[in-house]
PDB file of N, CA and C in Angstrom:
ATOM      1  N   MET A   1      42.255  86.912 119.746  1.00  0.00           N
ATOM      2  CA  MET A   1      43.580  86.929 119.941  1.00  0.00           C
ATOM      3  C   MET A   1      44.277  85.653 120.462  1.00  0.00           C
ATOM      4  N   ASN A   2      45.401  84.819 120.201  1.00  0.00           N
ATOM      5  CA  ASN A   2      45.754  83.783 120.963  1.00  0.00           C
ATOM      6  C   ASN A   2      47.033  84.267 121.844  1.00  0.00           C
ATOM      7  N   GLU A   3      47.030  83.800 122.766  1.00  0.00           N
ATOM      8  CA  GLU A   3      48.329  84.458 123.708  1.00  0.00           C
ATOM      9  C   GLU A   3      48.820  84.364 123.682  1.00  0.00           C
ATOM     10  N   HIS A   4      49.641  83.470 122.655  1.00  0.00           N
ATOM     11  CA  HIS A   4      50.978  83.192 121.769  1.00  0.00           C
ATOM     12  C   HIS A   4      51.395  83.739 120.067  1.00  0.00           C
ATOM     13  N   ASP A   5      50.450  84.486 120.252  1.00  0.00           N
ATOM     14  CA  ASP A   5      50.402  85.756 119.141  1.00  0.00           C
ATOM     15  C   ASP A   5      51.681  86.315 118.716  1.00  0.00           C
ATOM     16  N   ASN A   6      52.390  86.732 120.035  1.00  0.00           N
ATOM     17  CA  ASN A   6      53.252  87.221 120.755  1.00  0.00           C
ATOM     18  C   ASN A   6      54.850  87.123 120.179  1.00  0.00           C
ATOM     19  N   ILE A   7      54.272  85.552 119.944  1.00  0.00           N
ATOM     20  CA  ILE A   7      55.919  85.003 119.526  1.00  0.00           C
ATOM     21  C   ILE A   7      55.963  84.714 118.274  1.00  0.00           C
ATOM     22  N   ASN A   8      57.407  85.155 117.555  1.00  0.00           N
ATOM     23  CA  ASN A   8      57.768  84.748 116.425  1.00  0.00           C
ATOM     24  C   ASN A   8      58.125  83.841 115.718  1.00  0.00           C
ATOM     25  N   ARG A   9      59.087  83.822 114.817  1.00  0.00           N
ATOM     26  CA  ARG A   9      59.970  81.798 114.096  1.00  0.00           C
ATOM     27  C   ARG A   9      60.712  82.165 115.341  1.00  0.00           C
ATOM     28  N   ALA A  10      61.878  83.055 114.993  1.00  0.00           N
ATOM     29  CA  ALA A  10      62.753  83.213 116.026  1.00  0.00           C
ATOM     30  C   ALA A  10      62.909  82.645 117.693  1.00  0.00           C
ATOM     31  N   ASP A  11      61.517  83.134 117.766  1.00  0.00           N
ATOM     32  CA  ASP A  11      61.156  83.163 119.227  1.00  0.00           C
ATOM     33  C   ASP A  11      61.221  81.193 119.613  1.00  0.00           C
ATOM     34  N   TYR A  12      60.351  81.132 118.558  1.00  0.00           N
ATOM     35  CA  TYR A  12      59.676  79.982 118.996  1.00  0.00           C
ATOM     36  C   TYR A  12      60.846  78.747 118.282  1.00  0.00           C
ATOM     37  N   LEU A  13      62.182  78.853 117.496  1.00  0.00           N
ATOM     38  CA  LEU A  13      63.522  78.428 117.447  1.00  0.00           C
ATOM     39  C   LEU A  13      64.122  77.676 118.577  1.00  0.00           C
ATOM     40  N   LEU A  14      63.921  79.576 119.150  1.00  0.00           N
ATOM     41  CA  LEU A  14      64.834  79.387 120.718  1.00  0.00           C
ATOM     42  C   LEU A  14      63.590  78.498 121.708  1.00  0.00           C
ATOM     43  N   LEU A  15      63.039  78.504 121.983  1.00  0.00           N
ATOM     44  CA  LEU A  15      62.303  77.589 122.661  1.00  0.00           C
ATOM     45  C   LEU A  15      62.191  76.542 122.349  1.00  0.00           C
ATOM     46  N   SER A  16      62.494  75.898 121.032  1.00  0.00           N
ATOM     47  CA  SER A  16      62.428  74.945 120.611  1.00  0.00           C
ATOM     48  C   SER A  16      64.243  73.957 120.743  1.00  0.00           C
ATOM     49  N   THR A  17      64.643  74.990 120.989  1.00  0.00           N
ATOM     50  CA  THR A  17      66.076  74.551 121.113  1.00  0.00           C
ATOM     51  C   THR A  17      66.182  74.064 122.988  1.00  0.00           C
ATOM     52  N   LEU A  18      65.708  74.889 123.484  1.00  0.00           N
ATOM     53  CA  LEU A  18      65.794  74.791 124.770  1.00  0.00           C
ATOM     54  C   LEU A  18      64.927  73.285 125.084  1.00  0.00           C
ATOM     55  N   TYR A  19      63.720  73.035 124.576  1.00  0.00           N
ATOM     56  CA  TYR A  19      62.776  71.919 124.840  1.00  0.00           C
ATOM     57  C   TYR A  19      63.840  70.645 124.223  1.00  0.00           C
ATOM     58  N   ALA A  20      64.089  70.211 123.187  1.00  0.00           N
ATOM     59  CA  ALA A  20      64.816  69.458 122.322  1.00  0.00           C
ATOM     60  C   ALA A  20      65.845  69.072 123.632  1.00  0.00           C
ATOM     61  N   SER A  21      66.427  70.312 124.252  1.00  0.00           N
ATOM     62  CA  SER A  21      67.730  69.436 124.542  1.00  0.00           C
ATOM     63  C   SER A  21      66.791  69.698 126.821  1.00  0.00           C
ATOM     64  N   GLU A  22      66.242  69.273 126.762  1.00  0.00           N
ATOM     65  CA  GLU A  22      65.088  68.852 128.057  1.00  0.00           C
ATOM     66  C   GLU A  22      65.512  70.538 129.093  1.00  0.00           C
ATOM     67  N   CYS A  23      65.883  71.162 128.365  1.00  0.00           N
ATOM     68  CA  CYS A  23      66.316  72.432 129.869  1.00  0.00           C
ATOM     69  C   CYS A  23      64.655  72.937 130.307  1.00  0.00           C
ATOM     70  N   THR A  24      64.704  72.569 131.157  1.00  0.00           N
ATOM     71  CA  THR A  24      63.398  72.525 131.787  1.00  0.00           C
ATOM     72  C   THR A  24      63.247  73.111 133.273  1.00  0.00           C
ATOM     73  N   ASP A  25      64.411  73.119 133.942  1.00  0.00           N
ATOM     74  CA  ASP A  25      64.582  73.588 135.313  1.00  0.00           C
ATOM     75  C   ASP A  25      66.115  74.321 135.782  1.00  0.00           C
ATOM     76  N   TYR A  26      66.089  75.022 136.630  1.00  0.00           N
ATOM     77  CA  TYR A  26      66.908  75.835 136.848  1.00  0.00           C
ATOM     78  C   TYR A  26      68.923  75.285 136.351  1.00  0.00           C
ATOM     79  N   PHE A  27      68.718  73.740 136.856  1.00  0.00           N
ATOM     80  CA  PHE A  27      70.073  73.101 136.814  1.00  0.00           C
ATOM     81  C   PHE A  27      69.937  72.815 135.391  1.00  0.00           C
ATOM     82  N   HIS A  28      69.358  72.431 134.802  1.00  0.00           N
ATOM     83  CA  HIS A  28      69.019  71.690 133.611  1.00  0.00           C
ATOM     84  C   HIS A  28      68.867  73.218 132.275  1.00  0.00           C
ATOM     85  N   SER A  29      69.915  74.001 131.860  1.00  0.00           N
ATOM     86  CA  SER A  29      69.736  74.933 131.234  1.00  0.00           C
ATOM     87  C   SER A  29      70.734  75.214 130.186  1.00  0.00           C
ATOM     88  N   MET A  30      70.425  76.381 129.566  1.00  0.00           N
ATOM     89  CA  MET A  30      71.689  76.637 128.072  1.00  0.00           C
ATOM     90  C   MET A  30      72.490  78.127 128.404  1.00  0.00           C
ATOM     91  N   THR A  31      73.521  77.845 127.624  1.00  0.00           N
ATOM     92  CA  THR A  31      73.679  79.784 127.579  1.00  0.00           C
ATOM     93  C   THR A  31      73.555  79.496 125.884  1.00  0.00           C
ATOM     94  N   ILE A  32      74.001  81.269 126.072  1.00  0.00           N
ATOM     95  CA  ILE A  32      73.765  81.655 124.589  1.00  0.00           C
ATOM     96  C   ILE A  32      74.491  81.285 123.831  1.00  0.00           C
ATOM     97  N   SER A  33      75.866  80.741 123.982  1.00  0.00           N
ATOM     98  CA  SER A  33      76.766  79.863 123.358  1.00  0.00           C
ATOM     99  C   SER A  33      76.377  78.839 122.686  1.00  0.00           C
ATOM    100  N   GLU A  34      76.012  77.793 123.980  1.00  0.00           N
ATOM    101  CA  GLU A  34      75.010  76.652 123.353  1.00  0.00           C
ATOM    102  C   GLU A  34      74.053  76.821 122.549  1.00  0.00           C
ATOM    103  N   ILE A  35      73.271  77.270 122.970  1.00  0.00           N
ATOM    104  CA  ILE A  35      72.136  77.559 121.583  1.00  0.00           C
ATOM    105  C   ILE A  35      72.415  77.550 120.330  1.00  0.00           C
ATOM    106  N   ILE A  36      73.380  78.922 120.470  1.00  0.00           N
ATOM    107  CA  ILE A  36      73.975  79.558 118.961  1.00  0.00           C
ATOM    108  C   ILE A  36      74.611  78.333 118.305  1.00  0.00           C
ATOM    109  N   ASP A  37      75.392  77.319 118.886  1.00  0.00           N
ATOM    110  CA  ASP A  37      75.671  76.098 118.547  1.00  0.00           C
ATOM    111  C   ASP A  37      74.819  74.982 118.080  1.00  0.00           C
ATOM    112  N   ASP A  38      74.098  75.082 118.724  1.00  0.00           N
ATOM    113  CA  ASP A  38      72.777  73.882 118.473  1.00  0.00           C
ATOM    114  C   ASP A  38      72.235  74.367 117.586  1.00  0.00           C
ATOM    115  N   ASN A  39      72.266  75.539 116.700  1.00  0.00           N
ATOM    116  CA  ASN A  39      71.512  76.004 116.006  1.00  0.00           C
ATOM    117  C   ASN A  39      72.675  76.321 114.393  1.00  0.00           C
ATOM    118  N   SER A  40      73.604  75.960 114.796  1.00  0.00           N
ATOM    119  CA  SER A  40      74.505  76.386 113.677  1.00  0.00           C
ATOM    120  C   SER A  40      74.724  75.111 112.538  1.00  0.00           C
ATOM    121  N   ASP A  41      74.853  75.716 111.169  1.00  0.00           N
ATOM    122  CA  ASP A  41      75.295  74.349 110.513  1.00  0.00           C
ATOM    123  C   ASP A  41      76.736  73.747 110.479  1.00  0.00           C
ATOM    124  N   GLU A  42      77.113  72.926 109.422  1.00  0.00           N
ATOM    125  CA  GLU A  42      78.459  72.657 109.386  1.00  0.00           C
ATOM    126  C   GLU A  42      79.695  73.738 109.007  1.00  0.00           C
ATOM    127  N   ASN A  43      79.029  74.936 108.253  1.00  0.00           N
ATOM    128  CA  ASN A  43      80.066  76.313 107.974  1.00  0.00           C
ATOM    129  C   ASN A  43      79.715  77.232 109.342  1.00  0.00           C
ATOM    130  N   GLY A  44      79.193  76.977 110.263  1.00  0.00           N
ATOM    131  CA  GLY A  44      78.963  78.195 111.170  1.00  0.00           C
ATOM    132  C   GLY A  44      78.049  78.685 111.382  1.00  0.00           C
ATOM    133  N   ASN A  45      77.079  78.835 109.917  1.00  0.00           N
ATOM    134  CA  ASN A  45      75.761  79.697 109.768  1.00  0.00           C
ATOM    135  C   ASN A  45      74.733  79.500 110.757  1.00  0.00           C
ATOM    136  N   HIS A  46      74.337  80.692 111.098  1.00  0.00           N
ATOM    137  CA  HIS A  46      73.308  80.249 112.116  1.00  0.00           C
ATOM    138  C   HIS A  46      72.054  81.036 111.965  1.00  0.00           C
ATOM    139  N   PRO A  47      70.460  80.606 112.076  1.00  0.00           N
ATOM    140  CA  PRO A  47      69.653  81.686 111.756  1.00  0.00           C
ATOM    141  C   PRO A  47      68.905  82.524 112.649  1.00  0.00           C
ATOM    142  N   LEU A  48      69.599  82.640 114.120  1.00  0.00           N
ATOM    143  CA  LEU A  48      69.309  83.239 115.192  1.00  0.00           C
ATOM    144  C   LEU A  48      69.942  84.632 115.129  1.00  0.00           C
ATOM    145  N   GLY A  49      70.789  85.192 114.470  1.00  0.00           N
ATOM    146  CA  GLY A  49      71.684  85.762 114.533  1.00  0.00           C
ATOM    147  C   GLY A  49      72.585  86.803 114.962  1.00  0.00           C
ATOM    148  N   ALA A  50      73.068  87.449 115.588  1.00  0.00           N
ATOM    149  CA  ALA A  50      74.389  87.678 116.405  1.00  0.00           C
ATOM    150  C   ALA A  50      74.140  87.349 117.591  1.00  0.00           C
ATOM    151  N   ARG A  51      75.195  87.054 118.370  1.00  0.00           N
ATOM    152  CA  ARG A  51      75.148  87.070 119.898  1.00  0.00           C
ATOM    153  C   ARG A  51      74.468  87.526 120.650  1.00  0.00           C
ATOM    154  N   MET A  52      74.367  89.711 120.657  1.00  0.00           N
ATOM    155  CA  MET A  52      73.601  89.910 120.997  1.00  0.00           C
ATOM    156  C   MET A  52      72.329  90.286 120.628  1.00  0.00           C
ATOM    157  N   THR A  53      71.728  89.906 119.612  1.00  0.00           N
ATOM    158  CA  THR A  53      70.577  89.282 118.642  1.00  0.00           C
ATOM    159  C   THR A  53      69.969  88.271 119.764  1.00  0.00           C
ATOM    160  N   VAL A  54      70.685  87.244 119.876  1.00  0.00           N
ATOM    161  CA  VAL A  54      69.653  86.344 120.567  1.00  0.00           C
ATOM    162  C   VAL A  54      70.045  86.461 122.139  1.00  0.00           C
ATOM    163  N   TYR A  55      71.025  87.661 122.849  1.00  0.00           N
ATOM    164  CA  TYR A  55      70.552  87.942 124.123  1.00  0.00           C
ATOM    165  C   TYR A  55      69.419  88.674 123.974  1.00  0.00           C
ATOM    166  N   ARG A  56      69.165  89.732 123.456  1.00  0.00           N
ATOM    167  CA  ARG A  56      67.822  90.462 123.320  1.00  0.00           C
ATOM    168  C   ARG A  56      66.672  89.615 122.956  1.00  0.00           C
ATOM    169  N   LYS A  57      66.647  88.333 122.192  1.00  0.00           N
ATOM    170  CA  LYS A  57      65.571  87.808 122.438  1.00  0.00           C
ATOM    171  C   LYS A  57      65.130  87.113 123.139  1.00  0.00           C
ATOM    172  N   LEU A  58      66.347  86.515 123.988  1.00  0.00           N
ATOM    173  CA  LEU A  58      66.008  85.556 125.516  1.00  0.00           C
ATOM    174  C   LEU A  58      65.992  86.388 126.351  1.00  0.00           C
ATOM    175  N   GLN A  59      65.767  87.571 126.113  1.00  0.00           N
ATOM    176  CA  GLN A  59      65.459  88.756 127.596  1.00  0.00           C
ATOM    177  C   GLN A  59      64.068  88.837 127.102  1.00  0.00           C
ATOM    178  N   ARG A  60      63.530  89.011 125.769  1.00  0.00           N
ATOM    179  CA  ARG A  60      62.631  89.500 125.748  1.00  0.00           C
ATOM    180  C   ARG A  60      60.901  88.283 126.107  1.00  0.00           C
ATOM    181  N   LEU A  61      61.683  86.916 126.197  1.00  0.00           N
ATOM    182  CA  LEU A  61      60.546  85.893 126.346  1.00  0.00           C
ATOM    183  C   LEU A  61      60.784  86.043 127.617  1.00  0.00           C
ATOM    184  N   VAL A  62      61.800  86.084 128.217  1.00  0.00           N
ATOM    185  CA  VAL A  62      61.903  86.306 130.065  1.00  0.00           C
ATOM    186  C   VAL A  62      60.883  87.109 130.382  1.00  0.00           C
ATOM    187  N   GLU A  63      60.718  88.205 129.734  1.00  0.00           N
ATOM    188  CA  GLU A  63      59.491  88.881 129.915  1.00  0.00           C
ATOM    189  C   GLU A  63      58.217  88.464 130.120  1.00  0.00           C
ATOM    190  N   LEU A  64      58.307  87.650 129.138  1.00  0.00           N
ATOM    191  CA  LEU A  64      56.950  87.505 128.309  1.00  0.00           C
ATOM    192  C   LEU A  64      56.600  86.002 129.276  1.00  0.00           C
ATOM    193  N   GLY A  65      57.824  85.435 129.929  1.00  0.00           N
ATOM    194  CA  GLY A  65      57.036  84.269 130.939  1.00  0.00           C
ATOM    195  C   GLY A  65      57.512  83.014 130.202  1.00  0.00           C
ATOM    196  N   TYR A  66      58.055  82.996 129.480  1.00  0.00           N
ATOM    197  CA  TYR A  66      58.001  81.614 128.624  1.00  0.00           C
ATOM    198  C   TYR A  66      59.367  80.941 128.827  1.00  0.00           C
ATOM    199  N   ILE A  67      60.528  82.106 129.299  1.00  0.00           N
ATOM    200  CA  ILE A  67      61.858  81.297 129.926  1.00  0.00           C
ATOM    201  C   ILE A  67      62.177  81.943 130.873  1.00  0.00           C
ATOM    202  N   LYS A  68      63.249  81.399 131.932  1.00  0.00           N
ATOM    203  CA  LYS A  68      63.685  82.224 133.302  1.00  0.00           C
ATOM    204  C   LYS A  68      64.964  81.540 132.597  1.00  0.00           C
ATOM    205  N   LYS A  69      66.101  83.009 133.875  1.00  0.00           N
ATOM    206  CA  LYS A  69      67.474  82.565 133.923  1.00  0.00           C
ATOM    207  C   LYS A  69      67.940  81.047 134.605  1.00  0.00           C
ATOM    208  N   GLY A  70      68.692  80.212 134.523  1.00  0.00           N
ATOM    209  CA  GLY A  70      69.067  79.682 135.033  1.00  0.00           C
ATOM    210  C   GLY A  70      70.340  79.686 135.812  1.00  0.00           C
ATOM    211  N   ILE A  71      71.270  78.485 136.360  1.00  0.00           N
ATOM    212  CA  ILE A  71      72.433  78.288 137.221  1.00  0.00           C
ATOM    213  C   ILE A  71      73.311  79.083 136.224  1.00  0.00           C
ATOM    214  N   LYS A  72      74.406  80.312 137.053  1.00  0.00           N
ATOM    215  CA  LYS A  72      75.646  80.806 136.170  1.00  0.00           C
ATOM    216  C   LYS A  72      76.438  79.564 135.864  1.00  0.00           C
ATOM    217  N   ASP A  73      77.047  80.003 134.617  1.00  0.00           N
ATOM    218  CA  ASP A  73      77.843  79.052 133.861  1.00  0.00           C
ATOM    219  C   ASP A  73      78.969  79.773 134.277  1.00  0.00           C
ATOM    220  N   ASP A  74      79.984  79.795 134.919  1.00  0.00           N
ATOM    221  CA  ASP A  74      81.182  80.155 134.974  1.00  0.00           C
ATOM    222  C   ASP A  74      80.722  82.152 134.950  1.00  0.00           C
ATOM    223  N   HIS A  75      80.831  82.972 134.354  1.00  0.00           N
ATOM    224  CA  HIS A  75      80.124  83.929 133.951  1.00  0.00           C
ATOM    225  C   HIS A  75      78.968  84.170 132.819  1.00  0.00           C
ATOM    226  N   SER A  76      78.557  83.093 132.730  1.00  0.00           N
ATOM    227  CA  SER A  76      77.600  83.087 131.491  1.00  0.00           C
ATOM    228  C   SER A  76      76.071  82.896 131.835  1.00  0.00           C
ATOM    229  N   ASP A  77      75.011  83.597 131.870  1.00  0.00           N
ATOM    230  CA  ASP A  77      73.680  83.534 132.232  1.00  0.00           C
ATOM    231  C   ASP A  77      73.069  82.146 131.265  1.00  0.00           C
ATOM    232  N   THR A  78      72.371  81.273 132.132  1.00  0.00           N
ATOM    233  CA  THR A  78      72.044  80.001 131.274  1.00  0.00           C
ATOM    234  C   THR A  78      70.182  80.376 131.421  1.00  0.00           C
ATOM    235  N   TYR A  79      69.614  79.432 130.544  1.00  0.00           N
ATOM    236  CA  TYR A  79      68.293  79.807 130.243  1.00  0.00           C
ATOM    237  C   TYR A  79      67.269  78.318 129.807  1.00  0.00           C
ATOM    238  N   TYR A  80      66.848  78.572 130.463  1.00  0.00           N
ATOM    239  CA  TYR A  80      65.607  76.893 130.766  1.00  0.00           C
ATOM    240  C   TYR A  80      64.189  77.451 130.376  1.00  0.00           C
ATOM    241  N   LEU A  81      63.126  76.430 129.938  1.00  0.00           N
ATOM    242  CA  LEU A  81      61.660  76.611 130.059  1.00  0.00           C
ATOM    243  C   LEU A  81      61.073  76.668 131.380  1.00  0.00           C
ATOM    244  N   ASP A  82      60.329  77.532 131.329  1.00  0.00           N
ATOM    245  CA  ASP A  82      59.174  77.793 132.195  1.00  0.00           C
ATOM    246  C   ASP A  82      58.083  76.769 131.783  1.00  0.00           C
ATOM    247  N   THR A  83      57.153  77.135 133.278  1.00  0.00           N
ATOM    248  CA  THR A  83      56.126  76.417 132.580  1.00  0.00           C
ATOM    249  C   THR A  83      55.382  76.774 131.273  1.00  0.00           C
ATOM    250  N   LYS A  84      55.162  78.102 131.152  1.00  0.00           N
ATOM    251  CA  LYS A  84      54.427  78.910 129.911  1.00  0.00           C
ATOM    252  C   LYS A  84      55.255  78.451 128.667  1.00  0.00           C
ATOM    253  N   GLY A  85      56.666  78.112 128.357  1.00  0.00           N
ATOM    254  CA  GLY A  85      56.998  77.537 127.201  1.00  0.00           C
ATOM    255  C   GLY A  85      57.110  76.336 127.069  1.00  0.00           C
ATOM    256  N   ILE A  86      57.078  75.583 128.141  1.00  0.00           N
ATOM    257  CA  ILE A  86      56.795  73.967 127.847  1.00  0.00           C
ATOM    258  C   ILE A  86      55.202  73.853 127.681  1.00  0.00           C
ATOM    259  N   GLY A  87      54.053  74.632 128.116  1.00  0.00           N
ATOM    260  CA  GLY A  87      53.281  74.233 127.717  1.00  0.00           C
ATOM    261  C   GLY A  87      53.229  74.605 125.936  1.00  0.00           C
ATOM    262  N   LEU A  88      53.711  75.613 125.296  1.00  0.00           N
ATOM    263  CA  LEU A  88      53.711  75.943 124.364  1.00  0.00           C
ATOM    264  C   LEU A  88      54.380  74.747 123.524  1.00  0.00           C
ATOM    265  N   MET A  89      55.405  73.970 123.966  1.00  0.00           N
ATOM    266  CA  MET A  89      56.110  73.262 123.197  1.00  0.00           C
ATOM    267  C   MET A  89      55.599  71.827 123.193  1.00  0.00           C
ATOM    268  N   LYS A  90      54.542  71.775 124.111  1.00  0.00           N
ATOM    269  CA  LYS A  90      53.591  70.226 124.310  1.00  0.00           C
ATOM    270  C   LYS A  90      52.394  70.927 123.406  1.00  0.00           C
ATOM    271  N   ASP A  91      52.219  71.814 123.321  1.00  0.00           N
ATOM    272  CA  ASP A  91      50.903  71.676 122.305  1.00  0.00           C
ATOM    273  C   ASP A  91      51.313  72.334 120.780  1.00  0.00           C
ATOM    274  N   GLY A  92      52.400  72.182 120.722  1.00  0.00           N
ATOM    275  CA  GLY A  92      52.937  72.226 119.392  1.00  0.00           C
ATOM    276  C   GLY A  92      53.035  73.888 118.617  1.00  0.00           C
ATOM    277  N   GLY A  93      52.064  74.508 119.742  1.00  0.00           N
ATOM    278  CA  GLY A  93      52.114  76.014 119.492  1.00  0.00           C
ATOM    279  C   GLY A  93      50.592  76.615 118.666  1.00  0.00           C
ATOM    280  N   THR A  94      49.621  74.586 118.735  1.00  0.00           N
ATOM    281  CA  THR A  94      48.656  75.263 118.046  1.00  0.00           C
ATOM    282  C   THR A  94      47.694  76.102 118.727  1.00  0.00           C
ATOM    283  N   LYS A  95      46.721  76.888 117.416  1.00  0.00           N
ATOM    284  CA  LYS A  95      45.869  77.994 118.705  1.00  0.00           C
ATOM    285  C   LYS A  95      44.519  77.580 119.026  1.00  0.00           C
ATOM    286  N   ALA A  96      44.015  77.393 119.990  1.00  0.00           N
ATOM    287  CA  ALA A  96      42.833  77.414 120.497  1.00  0.00           C
ATOM    288  C   ALA A  96      41.608  77.770 119.450  1.00  0.00           C
TER     289      ALA A  96
END
């Protein structure tokens, strides 16, 4: 079993959004609103679910060590890829 088997498609979408936006350190990070906006189409539809759903998914990724919390943006938490998340994005999630 691969260490990345605990990641699903929505998790990968969150990680790839952070990776594409170069959110890889404490000061270069994104809020939940920014992540949702980046994944919304022109009609405002987004595949990640409601804000609270995205929050829970991000908290799970923090617990798994793929992302960390960054600097506060006003009252909002921000998130960035940790080393484990960067590694997953660089290898494209391929199984060893």
